[in-house]
Amino acid sequence: MYSKNEIIDILKDNTIDKEIFSLADSIRKKYVGDEVHLRGLIEFSNICKCNCKYCGLQFSNNKIERYRISPENIVLYAKKAVDMGYKTVVLQSGEDAFFKTEILCEIIEKIKNLGVALTLSIGERPYNDYKAFKQAGADRYLIRIETTDRNLYKSLHPNMSFENRLRCLDDLKNLGYEVGTGCLVGLPEQSLESLADDILFFKKIDADMIGIGPFIPHPQTPLANSQIGDFNLALKVMALTRIILKNINIPATTAMETLNPNGRIIALQSGANVVMPNVTTTEYRAKYEIYPGKICINENPEKCRNCIGAKIKSIGRTVSEDYGFRVR
């Protein structure tokens, strides 16, 4: 286990990058194997009550065309994902008030009847909502902390509470979810010290899934003119997360590939073991623009599935046939 100062020193030292990436890959191989878990991602609403300064879906962005997929069509997308061979479906959206607890529980129950694992990524909710979703069959919940620097968090999340974010993670853990979180790398005013704190936070809460991606400024947000995050630094934060939390699931995020044409494959060779292809059709993909330049927005779901499957095979890895729960 590295200390905070050791993590900072590693993040500073670019001469050992290959060594760190190689170590992360060997630990990935030892603890979670060569199988890559594919999760079928359904981005079902880009309507959001929040105003996070880095996110293109923020409430104040009046240039975005909003959409909401009906509950019936969400289930149809899930059925298509199952037909394509996905063992996990991920439901992701902005914090959309239309989707009341009862509506979501009905969707969850119908998708679980398809015989898949189900991940939710729908933001901050009261404890009783999380409890209801779990009872309806939800297996995993992803809620990224984005940064553990309280002052930075406060400046980036108007009218939101760092303490409430922690409460959500704690509630989810207590309810028996597999809990996912993660961070953005390269945020304005973010330090290497705070990135080290992020990694140690993941360890402290024993998160089951960690998503790490570079910050990419969106032109319709207050951070439009900020510097873009560094791909290599994001990759190193991800690799160190693998080294420290050996048996967790780590996605090769699409933001990595937005900055580097081979970003997801490089991530898979540096500690990652999960990919989340989009199973939403092209009419919605471009509208779910958290950051600009997102890959594959004009490709149909079948093509995305076949493309990433071929890439995984090209590096000597295989697509998993199981549900991809964390193996302790």
C-alpha atoms as a PDB file:
ATOM      1  CA  MET A   1       0.000   0.000   0.000  1.00  0.00           C
ATOM      2  CA  TYR A   2       1.453   3.327  -1.075  1.00  0.00           C
ATOM      3  CA  SER A   3       1.414   6.372   1.203  1.00  0.00           C
ATOM      4  CA  LYS A   4       0.004   9.678  -0.042  1.00  0.00           C
ATOM      5  CA  ASN A   5       3.509  11.072  -0.587  1.00  0.00           C
ATOM      6  CA  GLU A   6       4.564   7.972  -2.530  1.00  0.00           C
ATOM      7  CA  ILE A   7       1.508   8.299  -4.791  1.00  0.00           C
ATOM      8  CA  ILE A   8       2.313  11.976  -5.407  1.00  0.00           C
ATOM      9  CA  ASP A   9       5.929  11.104  -6.264  1.00  0.00           C
ATOM     10  CA  ILE A  10       4.766   8.453  -8.753  1.00  0.00           C
ATOM     11  CA  LEU A  11       2.315  10.873 -10.379  1.00  0.00           C
ATOM     12  CA  LYS A  12       5.118  13.448 -10.724  1.00  0.00           C
ATOM     13  CA  ASP A  13       7.674  11.059 -12.220  1.00  0.00           C
ATOM     14  CA  ASN A  14       7.068  10.487 -15.933  1.00  0.00           C
ATOM     15  CA  THR A  15      10.186   8.319 -16.287  1.00  0.00           C
ATOM     16  CA  ILE A  16       8.466   5.351 -14.588  1.00  0.00           C
ATOM     17  CA  ASP A  17       5.176   5.446 -16.506  1.00  0.00           C
ATOM     18  CA  LYS A  18       5.818   2.265 -18.511  1.00  0.00           C
ATOM     19  CA  GLU A  19       6.787   0.432 -15.352  1.00  0.00           C
ATOM     20  CA  ILE A  20       3.607   1.562 -13.563  1.00  0.00           C
ATOM     21  CA  PHE A  21       1.375   0.636 -16.516  1.00  0.00           C
ATOM     22  CA  SER A  22       3.037  -2.775 -16.807  1.00  0.00           C
ATOM     23  CA  LEU A  23       2.659  -3.448 -13.075  1.00  0.00           C
ATOM     24  CA  ALA A  24      -1.014  -2.473 -13.198  1.00  0.00           C
ATOM     25  CA  ASP A  25      -1.563  -4.811 -16.160  1.00  0.00           C
ATOM     26  CA  SER A  26       0.120  -7.735 -14.387  1.00  0.00           C
ATOM     27  CA  ILE A  27      -1.971  -7.148 -11.244  1.00  0.00           C
ATOM     28  CA  ARG A  28      -5.106  -6.973 -13.401  1.00  0.00           C
ATOM     29  CA  LYS A  29      -4.172 -10.301 -14.999  1.00  0.00           C
ATOM     30  CA  LYS A  30      -3.452 -11.962 -11.636  1.00  0.00           C
ATOM     31  CA  TYR A  31      -6.553 -10.777  -9.778  1.00  0.00           C
ATOM     32  CA  VAL A  32      -9.315 -10.403 -12.395  1.00  0.00           C
ATOM     33  CA  GLY A  33      -7.949 -12.352 -15.360  1.00  0.00           C
ATOM     34  CA  ASP A  34      -7.939 -11.758 -19.102  1.00  0.00           C
ATOM     35  CA  GLU A  35     -11.693 -11.527 -19.573  1.00  0.00           C
ATOM     36  CA  VAL A  36     -13.153  -8.109 -20.398  1.00  0.00           C
ATOM     37  CA  HIS A  37     -16.659  -7.407 -19.137  1.00  0.00           C
ATOM     38  CA  LEU A  38     -18.932  -5.543 -21.531  1.00  0.00           C
ATOM     39  CA  ARG A  39     -21.731  -3.449 -20.035  1.00  0.00           C
ATOM     40  CA  GLY A  40     -24.499  -2.232 -22.328  1.00  0.00           C
ATOM     41  CA  LEU A  41     -25.047   1.477 -21.620  1.00  0.00           C
ATOM     42  CA  ILE A  42     -28.499   3.066 -22.028  1.00  0.00           C
ATOM     43  CA  GLU A  43     -28.415   6.871 -21.708  1.00  0.00           C
ATOM     44  CA  PHE A  44     -32.134   7.333 -21.175  1.00  0.00           C
ATOM     45  CA  SER A  45     -32.473  11.045 -20.338  1.00  0.00           C
ATOM     46  CA  ASN A  46     -30.260  14.106 -20.699  1.00  0.00           C
ATOM     47  CA  ILE A  47     -32.561  16.231 -18.528  1.00  0.00           C
ATOM     48  CA  CYS A  48     -30.807  17.278 -15.320  1.00  0.00           C
ATOM     49  CA  LYS A  49     -31.631  19.523 -12.359  1.00  0.00           C
ATOM     50  CA  CYS A  50     -27.946  19.925 -11.457  1.00  0.00           C
ATOM     51  CA  ASN A  51     -25.554  22.628 -12.619  1.00  0.00           C
ATOM     52  CA  CYS A  52     -22.170  20.897 -12.397  1.00  0.00           C
ATOM     53  CA  LYS A  53     -19.762  23.312 -14.064  1.00  0.00           C
ATOM     54  CA  TYR A  54     -17.910  20.655 -16.116  1.00  0.00           C
ATOM     55  CA  CYS A  55     -20.979  18.872 -17.528  1.00  0.00           C
ATOM     56  CA  GLY A  56     -22.681  19.601 -20.821  1.00  0.00           C
ATOM     57  CA  LEU A  57     -25.993  18.316 -19.431  1.00  0.00           C
ATOM     58  CA  GLN A  58     -26.061  21.039 -16.780  1.00  0.00           C
ATOM     59  CA  PHE A  59     -29.402  22.715 -16.180  1.00  0.00           C
ATOM     60  CA  SER A  60     -28.132  26.120 -17.378  1.00  0.00           C
ATOM     61  CA  ASN A  61     -27.154  24.840 -20.833  1.00  0.00           C
ATOM     62  CA  ASN A  62     -30.050  26.083 -22.966  1.00  0.00           C
ATOM     63  CA  LYS A  63     -28.390  25.129 -26.252  1.00  0.00           C
ATOM     64  CA  ILE A  64     -28.751  21.391 -25.762  1.00  0.00           C
ATOM     65  CA  GLU A  65     -31.721  19.522 -27.233  1.00  0.00           C
ATOM     66  CA  ARG A  66     -33.251  17.647 -24.317  1.00  0.00           C
ATOM     67  CA  TYR A  67     -34.738  14.163 -24.569  1.00  0.00           C
ATOM     68  CA  ARG A  68     -36.271  11.493 -22.395  1.00  0.00           C
ATOM     69  CA  ILE A  69     -36.735   7.878 -23.472  1.00  0.00           C
ATOM     70  CA  SER A  70     -40.043   6.369 -22.352  1.00  0.00           C
ATOM     71  CA  PRO A  71     -39.999   3.568 -19.753  1.00  0.00           C
ATOM     72  CA  GLU A  72     -41.310   1.138 -22.394  1.00  0.00           C
ATOM     73  CA  ASN A  73     -38.496   1.979 -24.797  1.00  0.00           C
ATOM     74  CA  ILE A  74     -35.851   1.772 -22.061  1.00  0.00           C
ATOM     75  CA  VAL A  75     -36.902  -1.840 -21.533  1.00  0.00           C
ATOM     76  CA  LEU A  76     -36.822  -2.437 -25.308  1.00  0.00           C
ATOM     77  CA  TYR A  77     -33.249  -1.127 -25.450  1.00  0.00           C
ATOM     78  CA  ALA A  78     -32.370  -3.515 -22.628  1.00  0.00           C
ATOM     79  CA  LYS A  79     -33.889  -6.428 -24.561  1.00  0.00           C
ATOM     80  CA  LYS A  80     -31.773  -5.498 -27.587  1.00  0.00           C
ATOM     81  CA  ALA A  81     -28.693  -5.385 -25.373  1.00  0.00           C
ATOM     82  CA  VAL A  82     -29.449  -8.897 -24.110  1.00  0.00           C
ATOM     83  CA  ASP A  83     -29.929 -10.081 -27.696  1.00  0.00           C
ATOM     84  CA  MET A  84     -26.453  -8.702 -28.497  1.00  0.00           C
ATOM     85  CA  GLY A  85     -24.973 -10.777 -25.678  1.00  0.00           C
ATOM     86  CA  TYR A  86     -24.566  -8.204 -22.906  1.00  0.00           C
ATOM     87  CA  LYS A  87     -24.636  -9.652 -19.380  1.00  0.00           C
ATOM     88  CA  THR A  88     -24.975  -6.246 -17.683  1.00  0.00           C
ATOM     89  CA  VAL A  89     -27.214  -3.306 -18.557  1.00  0.00           C
ATOM     90  CA  VAL A  90     -26.294   0.169 -17.265  1.00  0.00           C
ATOM     91  CA  LEU A  91     -29.073   2.763 -16.946  1.00  0.00           C
ATOM     92  CA  GLN A  92     -27.611   6.263 -16.944  1.00  0.00           C
ATOM     93  CA  SER A  93     -29.263   9.675 -16.980  1.00  0.00           C
ATOM     94  CA  GLY A  94     -29.182  13.198 -15.708  1.00  0.00           C
ATOM     95  CA  GLU A  95     -31.046  13.843 -12.464  1.00  0.00           C
ATOM     96  CA  ASP A  96     -34.467  13.854 -14.138  1.00  0.00           C
ATOM     97  CA  ALA A  97     -37.442  14.403 -11.789  1.00  0.00           C
ATOM     98  CA  PHE A  98     -39.824  12.606 -14.165  1.00  0.00           C
ATOM     99  CA  PHE A  99     -38.395   9.245 -13.173  1.00  0.00           C
ATOM    100  CA  LYS A 100     -40.068   8.756  -9.810  1.00  0.00           C
ATOM    101  CA  THR A 101     -39.186   5.807  -7.625  1.00  0.00           C
ATOM    102  CA  GLU A 102     -42.198   3.766  -8.736  1.00  0.00           C
ATOM    103  CA  ILE A 103     -41.444   4.249 -12.434  1.00  0.00           C
ATOM    104  CA  LEU A 104     -37.802   3.254 -11.988  1.00  0.00           C
ATOM    105  CA  CYS A 105     -38.674   0.203  -9.884  1.00  0.00           C
ATOM    106  CA  GLU A 106     -41.007  -1.030 -12.620  1.00  0.00           C
ATOM    107  CA  ILE A 107     -38.258  -0.565 -15.228  1.00  0.00           C
ATOM    108  CA  ILE A 108     -35.727  -2.341 -12.986  1.00  0.00           C
ATOM    109  CA  GLU A 109     -38.023  -5.324 -12.423  1.00  0.00           C
ATOM    110  CA  LYS A 110     -38.704  -5.734 -16.151  1.00  0.00           C
ATOM    111  CA  ILE A 111     -35.012  -5.556 -17.043  1.00  0.00           C
ATOM    112  CA  LYS A 112     -34.037  -7.996 -14.277  1.00  0.00           C
ATOM    113  CA  ASN A 113     -36.547 -10.453 -15.740  1.00  0.00           C
ATOM    114  CA  LEU A 114     -34.332 -10.527 -18.835  1.00  0.00           C
ATOM    115  CA  GLY A 115     -31.646 -12.307 -16.795  1.00  0.00           C
ATOM    116  CA  VAL A 116     -28.968  -9.615 -16.630  1.00  0.00           C
ATOM    117  CA  ALA A 117     -27.065  -7.729 -13.951  1.00  0.00           C
ATOM    118  CA  LEU A 118     -28.249  -4.131 -13.638  1.00  0.00           C
ATOM    119  CA  THR A 119     -26.249  -1.010 -12.834  1.00  0.00           C
ATOM    120  CA  LEU A 120     -27.855   2.359 -12.103  1.00  0.00           C
ATOM    121  CA  SER A 121     -26.130   5.709 -12.647  1.00  0.00           C
ATOM    122  CA  ILE A 122     -28.850   8.243 -11.919  1.00  0.00           C
ATOM    123  CA  GLY A 123     -27.386  10.507  -9.258  1.00  0.00           C
ATOM    124  CA  GLU A 124     -28.215  11.495  -5.722  1.00  0.00           C
ATOM    125  CA  ARG A 125     -31.366  10.001  -4.203  1.00  0.00           C
ATOM    126  CA  PRO A 126     -32.772   9.542  -0.689  1.00  0.00           C
ATOM    127  CA  TYR A 127     -31.965   6.338   1.202  1.00  0.00           C
ATOM    128  CA  ASN A 128     -35.485   4.955   0.694  1.00  0.00           C
ATOM    129  CA  ASP A 129     -35.143   5.310  -3.087  1.00  0.00           C
ATOM    130  CA  TYR A 130     -31.886   3.365  -3.087  1.00  0.00           C
ATOM    131  CA  LYS A 131     -33.536   0.741  -0.873  1.00  0.00           C
ATOM    132  CA  ALA A 132     -36.502   0.435  -3.246  1.00  0.00           C
ATOM    133  CA  PHE A 133     -34.231   0.093  -6.294  1.00  0.00           C
ATOM    134  CA  LYS A 134     -32.268  -2.656  -4.519  1.00  0.00           C
ATOM    135  CA  GLN A 135     -35.438  -4.509  -3.599  1.00  0.00           C
ATOM    136  CA  ALA A 136     -36.602  -4.219  -7.220  1.00  0.00           C
ATOM    137  CA  GLY A 137     -33.405  -5.994  -8.284  1.00  0.00           C
ATOM    138  CA  ALA A 138     -30.698  -3.403  -8.982  1.00  0.00           C
ATOM    139  CA  ASP A 139     -27.226  -4.865  -8.405  1.00  0.00           C
ATOM    140  CA  ARG A 140     -24.812  -1.970  -8.770  1.00  0.00           C
ATOM    141  CA  TYR A 141     -24.850   1.794  -8.461  1.00  0.00           C
ATOM    142  CA  LEU A 142     -22.358   4.234  -9.934  1.00  0.00           C
ATOM    143  CA  ILE A 143     -22.022   7.712  -8.428  1.00  0.00           C
ATOM    144  CA  ARG A 144     -18.705   9.415  -9.102  1.00  0.00           C
ATOM    145  CA  ILE A 145     -17.216  11.660  -6.451  1.00  0.00           C
ATOM    146  CA  GLU A 146     -15.298  13.508  -9.255  1.00  0.00           C
ATOM    147  CA  THR A 147     -12.946  15.042  -6.676  1.00  0.00           C
ATOM    148  CA  THR A 148     -12.406  14.572  -2.941  1.00  0.00           C
ATOM    149  CA  ASP A 149     -11.034  18.102  -2.592  1.00  0.00           C
ATOM    150  CA  ARG A 150     -13.950  19.662  -0.700  1.00  0.00           C
ATOM    151  CA  ASN A 151     -13.237  23.220  -1.814  1.00  0.00           C
ATOM    152  CA  LEU A 152     -12.884  22.192  -5.450  1.00  0.00           C
ATOM    153  CA  TYR A 153     -16.013  20.051  -5.194  1.00  0.00           C
ATOM    154  CA  LYS A 154     -17.966  22.991  -3.792  1.00  0.00           C
ATOM    155  CA  SER A 155     -16.783  25.347  -6.548  1.00  0.00           C
ATOM    156  CA  LEU A 156     -17.727  22.852  -9.287  1.00  0.00           C
ATOM    157  CA  HIS A 157     -21.119  21.808  -7.888  1.00  0.00           C
ATOM    158  CA  PRO A 158     -23.362  24.810  -7.154  1.00  0.00           C
ATOM    159  CA  ASN A 159     -26.129  24.067  -4.635  1.00  0.00           C
ATOM    160  CA  MET A 160     -24.799  20.572  -4.006  1.00  0.00           C
ATOM    161  CA  SER A 161     -23.182  19.112  -0.909  1.00  0.00           C
ATOM    162  CA  PHE A 162     -20.000  17.065  -0.653  1.00  0.00           C
ATOM    163  CA  GLU A 163     -21.383  15.551   2.549  1.00  0.00           C
ATOM    164  CA  ASN A 164     -24.531  14.424   0.746  1.00  0.00           C
ATOM    165  CA  ARG A 165     -22.401  12.772  -1.940  1.00  0.00           C
ATOM    166  CA  LEU A 166     -20.595  10.842   0.784  1.00  0.00           C
ATOM    167  CA  ARG A 167     -23.971   9.975   2.336  1.00  0.00           C
ATOM    168  CA  CYS A 168     -25.115   8.476  -0.960  1.00  0.00           C
ATOM    169  CA  LEU A 169     -22.021   6.282  -1.217  1.00  0.00           C
ATOM    170  CA  ASP A 170     -22.427   5.180   2.390  1.00  0.00           C
ATOM    171  CA  ASP A 171     -26.128   4.366   1.943  1.00  0.00           C
ATOM    172  CA  LEU A 172     -25.433   2.327  -1.191  1.00  0.00           C
ATOM    173  CA  LYS A 173     -22.682   0.344   0.544  1.00  0.00           C
ATOM    174  CA  ASN A 174     -24.926  -0.342   3.548  1.00  0.00           C
ATOM    175  CA  LEU A 175     -27.737  -1.549   1.281  1.00  0.00           C
ATOM    176  CA  GLY A 176     -25.482  -4.157  -0.327  1.00  0.00           C
ATOM    177  CA  TYR A 177     -24.956  -2.658  -3.760  1.00  0.00           C
ATOM    178  CA  GLU A 178     -21.736  -3.078  -5.660  1.00  0.00           C
ATOM    179  CA  VAL A 179     -20.695   0.555  -5.439  1.00  0.00           C
ATOM    180  CA  GLY A 180     -18.954   2.451  -8.196  1.00  0.00           C
ATOM    181  CA  THR A 181     -17.372   5.871  -8.027  1.00  0.00           C
ATOM    182  CA  GLY A 182     -14.492   7.681  -9.735  1.00  0.00           C
ATOM    183  CA  CYS A 183     -12.875  10.982 -10.581  1.00  0.00           C
ATOM    184  CA  LEU A 184     -12.057  13.426 -13.326  1.00  0.00           C
ATOM    185  CA  VAL A 185      -8.366  14.076 -13.926  1.00  0.00           C
ATOM    186  CA  GLY A 186      -7.245  17.533 -14.987  1.00  0.00           C
ATOM    187  CA  LEU A 187      -9.973  19.694 -13.480  1.00  0.00           C
ATOM    188  CA  PRO A 188      -9.046  23.399 -13.093  1.00  0.00           C
ATOM    189  CA  GLU A 189      -7.280  24.004  -9.753  1.00  0.00           C
ATOM    190  CA  GLN A 190      -6.886  20.251  -9.164  1.00  0.00           C
ATOM    191  CA  SER A 191      -3.557  19.230  -7.623  1.00  0.00           C
ATOM    192  CA  LEU A 192      -1.586  15.992  -7.636  1.00  0.00           C
ATOM    193  CA  GLU A 193      -2.145  15.967  -3.880  1.00  0.00           C
ATOM    194  CA  SER A 194      -5.905  15.877  -4.356  1.00  0.00           C
ATOM    195  CA  LEU A 195      -5.591  13.113  -6.976  1.00  0.00           C
ATOM    196  CA  ALA A 196      -3.612  11.093  -4.437  1.00  0.00           C
ATOM    197  CA  ASP A 197      -6.410  11.735  -1.945  1.00  0.00           C
ATOM    198  CA  ASP A 198      -8.926  10.488  -4.537  1.00  0.00           C
ATOM    199  CA  ILE A 199      -7.086   7.177  -4.909  1.00  0.00           C
ATOM    200  CA  LEU A 200      -6.805   6.742  -1.137  1.00  0.00           C
ATOM    201  CA  PHE A 201     -10.509   7.567  -0.813  1.00  0.00           C
ATOM    202  CA  PHE A 202     -11.374   4.755  -3.234  1.00  0.00           C
ATOM    203  CA  LYS A 203      -9.357   2.425  -1.020  1.00  0.00           C
ATOM    204  CA  LYS A 204     -10.909   3.739   2.188  1.00  0.00           C
ATOM    205  CA  ILE A 205     -14.491   3.088   1.072  1.00  0.00           C
ATOM    206  CA  ASP A 206     -13.484  -0.186  -0.645  1.00  0.00           C
ATOM    207  CA  ALA A 207     -15.288   0.768  -3.853  1.00  0.00           C
ATOM    208  CA  ASP A 208     -16.118  -2.104  -6.196  1.00  0.00           C
ATOM    209  CA  MET A 209     -15.881  -0.146  -9.457  1.00  0.00           C
ATOM    210  CA  ILE A 210     -13.790   2.918 -10.277  1.00  0.00           C
ATOM    211  CA  GLY A 211     -14.217   5.021 -13.410  1.00  0.00           C
ATOM    212  CA  ILE A 212     -11.414   7.464 -14.198  1.00  0.00           C
ATOM    213  CA  GLY A 213     -11.271   9.791 -17.164  1.00  0.00           C
ATOM    214  CA  PRO A 214      -9.560  12.959 -18.324  1.00  0.00           C
ATOM    215  CA  PHE A 215     -11.414  16.246 -17.978  1.00  0.00           C
ATOM    216  CA  ILE A 216     -12.605  17.488 -21.371  1.00  0.00           C
ATOM    217  CA  PRO A 217     -14.060  21.035 -21.281  1.00  0.00           C
ATOM    218  CA  HIS A 218     -17.490  21.502 -22.821  1.00  0.00           C
ATOM    219  CA  PRO A 219     -17.976  24.704 -24.864  1.00  0.00           C
ATOM    220  CA  GLN A 220     -21.393  25.430 -23.319  1.00  0.00           C
ATOM    221  CA  THR A 221     -20.230  25.372 -19.684  1.00  0.00           C
ATOM    222  CA  PRO A 222     -18.397  27.854 -17.413  1.00  0.00           C
ATOM    223  CA  LEU A 223     -15.223  25.768 -17.881  1.00  0.00           C
ATOM    224  CA  ALA A 224     -15.288  26.116 -21.680  1.00  0.00           C
ATOM    225  CA  ASN A 225     -11.879  27.793 -21.875  1.00  0.00           C
ATOM    226  CA  SER A 226     -10.135  25.532 -19.371  1.00  0.00           C
ATOM    227  CA  GLN A 227      -7.190  23.363 -20.309  1.00  0.00           C
ATOM    228  CA  ILE A 228      -7.968  19.828 -21.406  1.00  0.00           C
ATOM    229  CA  GLY A 229      -6.947  16.993 -19.069  1.00  0.00           C
ATOM    230  CA  ASP A 230      -3.788  15.006 -19.705  1.00  0.00           C
ATOM    231  CA  PHE A 231      -4.377  11.500 -21.094  1.00  0.00           C
ATOM    232  CA  ASN A 232      -1.200  10.088 -19.591  1.00  0.00           C
ATOM    233  CA  LEU A 233      -1.937  11.432 -16.115  1.00  0.00           C
ATOM    234  CA  ALA A 234      -5.481  10.028 -16.223  1.00  0.00           C
ATOM    235  CA  LEU A 235      -4.046   6.677 -17.305  1.00  0.00           C
ATOM    236  CA  LYS A 236      -1.566   6.744 -14.419  1.00  0.00           C
ATOM    237  CA  VAL A 237      -4.267   7.537 -11.856  1.00  0.00           C
ATOM    238  CA  MET A 238      -6.233   4.588 -13.237  1.00  0.00           C
ATOM    239  CA  ALA A 239      -3.170   2.301 -13.131  1.00  0.00           C
ATOM    240  CA  LEU A 240      -2.383   3.246  -9.533  1.00  0.00           C
ATOM    241  CA  THR A 241      -5.993   2.583  -8.603  1.00  0.00           C
ATOM    242  CA  ARG A 242      -5.597  -0.941 -10.006  1.00  0.00           C
ATOM    243  CA  ILE A 243      -2.325  -1.472  -8.134  1.00  0.00           C
ATOM    244  CA  ILE A 244      -3.899  -0.412  -4.830  1.00  0.00           C
ATOM    245  CA  LEU A 245      -7.390  -1.952  -5.245  1.00  0.00           C
ATOM    246  CA  LYS A 246      -6.345  -5.144  -6.920  1.00  0.00           C
ATOM    247  CA  ASN A 247      -9.586  -7.043  -7.558  1.00  0.00           C
ATOM    248  CA  ILE A 248     -12.026  -4.269  -8.469  1.00  0.00           C
ATOM    249  CA  ASN A 249     -13.644  -3.560 -11.834  1.00  0.00           C
ATOM    250  CA  ILE A 250     -12.190  -0.635 -13.775  1.00  0.00           C
ATOM    251  CA  PRO A 251     -13.685   0.561 -17.068  1.00  0.00           C
ATOM    252  CA  ALA A 252     -11.653   1.781 -19.990  1.00  0.00           C
ATOM    253  CA  THR A 253     -13.620   5.013 -20.310  1.00  0.00           C
ATOM    254  CA  THR A 254     -14.793   6.549 -23.580  1.00  0.00           C
ATOM    255  CA  ALA A 255     -13.183   9.863 -22.578  1.00  0.00           C
ATOM    256  CA  MET A 256      -9.801   8.121 -22.834  1.00  0.00           C
ATOM    257  CA  GLU A 257     -10.517   7.316 -26.477  1.00  0.00           C
ATOM    258  CA  THR A 258     -11.769  10.828 -27.156  1.00  0.00           C
ATOM    259  CA  LEU A 259      -8.230  12.057 -26.420  1.00  0.00           C
ATOM    260  CA  ASN A 260      -6.371   9.092 -27.924  1.00  0.00           C
ATOM    261  CA  PRO A 261      -7.624   6.989 -30.873  1.00  0.00           C
ATOM    262  CA  ASN A 262      -6.466   3.832 -29.067  1.00  0.00           C
ATOM    263  CA  GLY A 263      -7.369   5.095 -25.608  1.00  0.00           C
ATOM    264  CA  ARG A 264      -9.587   2.229 -24.495  1.00  0.00           C
ATOM    265  CA  ILE A 265      -7.161  -0.444 -25.667  1.00  0.00           C
ATOM    266  CA  ILE A 266      -4.266   1.333 -23.941  1.00  0.00           C
ATOM    267  CA  ALA A 267      -6.391   1.504 -20.771  1.00  0.00           C
ATOM    268  CA  LEU A 268      -7.171  -2.226 -21.035  1.00  0.00           C
ATOM    269  CA  GLN A 269      -3.404  -2.835 -21.192  1.00  0.00           C
ATOM    270  CA  SER A 270      -2.804  -0.597 -18.152  1.00  0.00           C
ATOM    271  CA  GLY A 271      -5.178  -2.082 -15.590  1.00  0.00           C
ATOM    272  CA  ALA A 272      -8.735  -1.778 -16.946  1.00  0.00           C
ATOM    273  CA  ASN A 273     -11.017  -4.787 -17.429  1.00  0.00           C
ATOM    274  CA  VAL A 274     -14.428  -3.325 -18.355  1.00  0.00           C
ATOM    275  CA  VAL A 275     -15.826  -1.533 -21.421  1.00  0.00           C
ATOM    276  CA  MET A 276     -19.253   0.094 -21.590  1.00  0.00           C
ATOM    277  CA  PRO A 277     -20.420   0.321 -25.222  1.00  0.00           C
ATOM    278  CA  ASN A 278     -23.474   2.467 -25.862  1.00  0.00           C
ATOM    279  CA  VAL A 279     -26.609   0.538 -26.833  1.00  0.00           C
ATOM    280  CA  THR A 280     -28.708   3.693 -27.289  1.00  0.00           C
ATOM    281  CA  THR A 281     -29.361   4.466 -30.951  1.00  0.00           C
ATOM    282  CA  THR A 282     -27.756   7.372 -32.796  1.00  0.00           C
ATOM    283  CA  GLU A 283     -30.785   9.689 -32.487  1.00  0.00           C
ATOM    284  CA  TYR A 284     -29.939  10.142 -28.798  1.00  0.00           C
ATOM    285  CA  ARG A 285     -26.172   9.680 -28.581  1.00  0.00           C
ATOM    286  CA  ALA A 286     -25.095  13.119 -29.748  1.00  0.00           C
ATOM    287  CA  LYS A 287     -27.568  14.723 -27.330  1.00  0.00           C
ATOM    288  CA  TYR A 288     -26.029  13.027 -24.281  1.00  0.00           C
ATOM    289  CA  GLU A 289     -23.001  15.271 -24.478  1.00  0.00           C
ATOM    290  CA  ILE A 290     -21.358  15.462 -21.069  1.00  0.00           C
ATOM    291  CA  TYR A 291     -18.181  16.461 -22.915  1.00  0.00           C
ATOM    292  CA  PRO A 292     -17.567  17.200 -26.630  1.00  0.00           C
ATOM    293  CA  GLY A 293     -16.028  14.891 -29.205  1.00  0.00           C
ATOM    294  CA  LYS A 294     -17.495  11.712 -27.750  1.00  0.00           C
ATOM    295  CA  ILE A 295     -16.625   8.649 -29.800  1.00  0.00           C
ATOM    296  CA  CYS A 296     -19.019   6.427 -31.782  1.00  0.00           C
ATOM    297  CA  ILE A 297     -21.998   8.819 -31.698  1.00  0.00           C
ATOM    298  CA  ASN A 298     -22.895   7.941 -35.309  1.00  0.00           C
ATOM    299  CA  GLU A 299     -22.464   4.184 -35.028  1.00  0.00           C
ATOM    300  CA  ASN A 300     -25.277   1.735 -34.418  1.00  0.00           C
ATOM    301  CA  PRO A 301     -25.166  -0.468 -31.288  1.00  0.00           C
ATOM    302  CA  GLU A 302     -24.387  -3.683 -33.187  1.00  0.00           C
ATOM    303  CA  LYS A 303     -21.392  -2.094 -34.899  1.00  0.00           C
ATOM    304  CA  CYS A 304     -20.092  -0.781 -31.543  1.00  0.00           C
ATOM    305  CA  ARG A 305     -20.436  -4.229 -29.987  1.00  0.00           C
ATOM    306  CA  ASN A 306     -18.606  -5.953 -32.851  1.00  0.00           C
ATOM    307  CA  CYS A 307     -15.912  -3.274 -33.053  1.00  0.00           C
ATOM    308  CA  ILE A 308     -14.921  -3.398 -29.392  1.00  0.00           C
ATOM    309  CA  GLY A 309     -15.125  -7.207 -29.435  1.00  0.00           C
ATOM    310  CA  ALA A 310     -12.601  -7.290 -32.275  1.00  0.00           C
ATOM    311  CA  LYS A 311     -10.299  -4.837 -30.492  1.00  0.00           C
ATOM    312  CA  ILE A 312     -10.386  -6.923 -27.314  1.00  0.00           C
ATOM    313  CA  LYS A 313      -9.521 -10.041 -29.301  1.00  0.00           C
ATOM    314  CA  SER A 314      -6.659  -8.208 -31.042  1.00  0.00           C
ATOM    315  CA  ILE A 315      -4.794  -7.792 -27.725  1.00  0.00           C
ATOM    316  CA  GLY A 316      -5.205 -11.424 -26.705  1.00  0.00           C
ATOM    317  CA  ARG A 317      -8.130 -10.860 -24.342  1.00  0.00           C
ATOM    318  CA  THR A 318     -11.604 -12.381 -24.432  1.00  0.00           C
ATOM    319  CA  VAL A 319     -15.110 -11.021 -23.874  1.00  0.00           C
ATOM    320  CA  SER A 320     -16.513 -12.413 -20.634  1.00  0.00           C
ATOM    321  CA  GLU A 321     -19.622 -14.580 -20.640  1.00  0.00           C
ATOM    322  CA  ASP A 322     -20.466 -13.958 -16.972  1.00  0.00           C
ATOM    323  CA  TYR A 323     -22.064 -11.069 -15.083  1.00  0.00           C
ATOM    324  CA  GLY A 324     -18.798  -9.500 -13.989  1.00  0.00           C
ATOM    325  CA  PHE A 325     -19.348  -9.082 -10.274  1.00  0.00           C
ATOM    326  CA  ARG A 326     -16.304  -8.289  -8.181  1.00  0.00           C
ATOM    327  CA  VAL A 327     -14.568 -11.472  -7.084  1.00  0.00           C
ATOM    328  CA  ARG A 328     -13.122 -11.042  -3.633  1.00  0.00           C
END
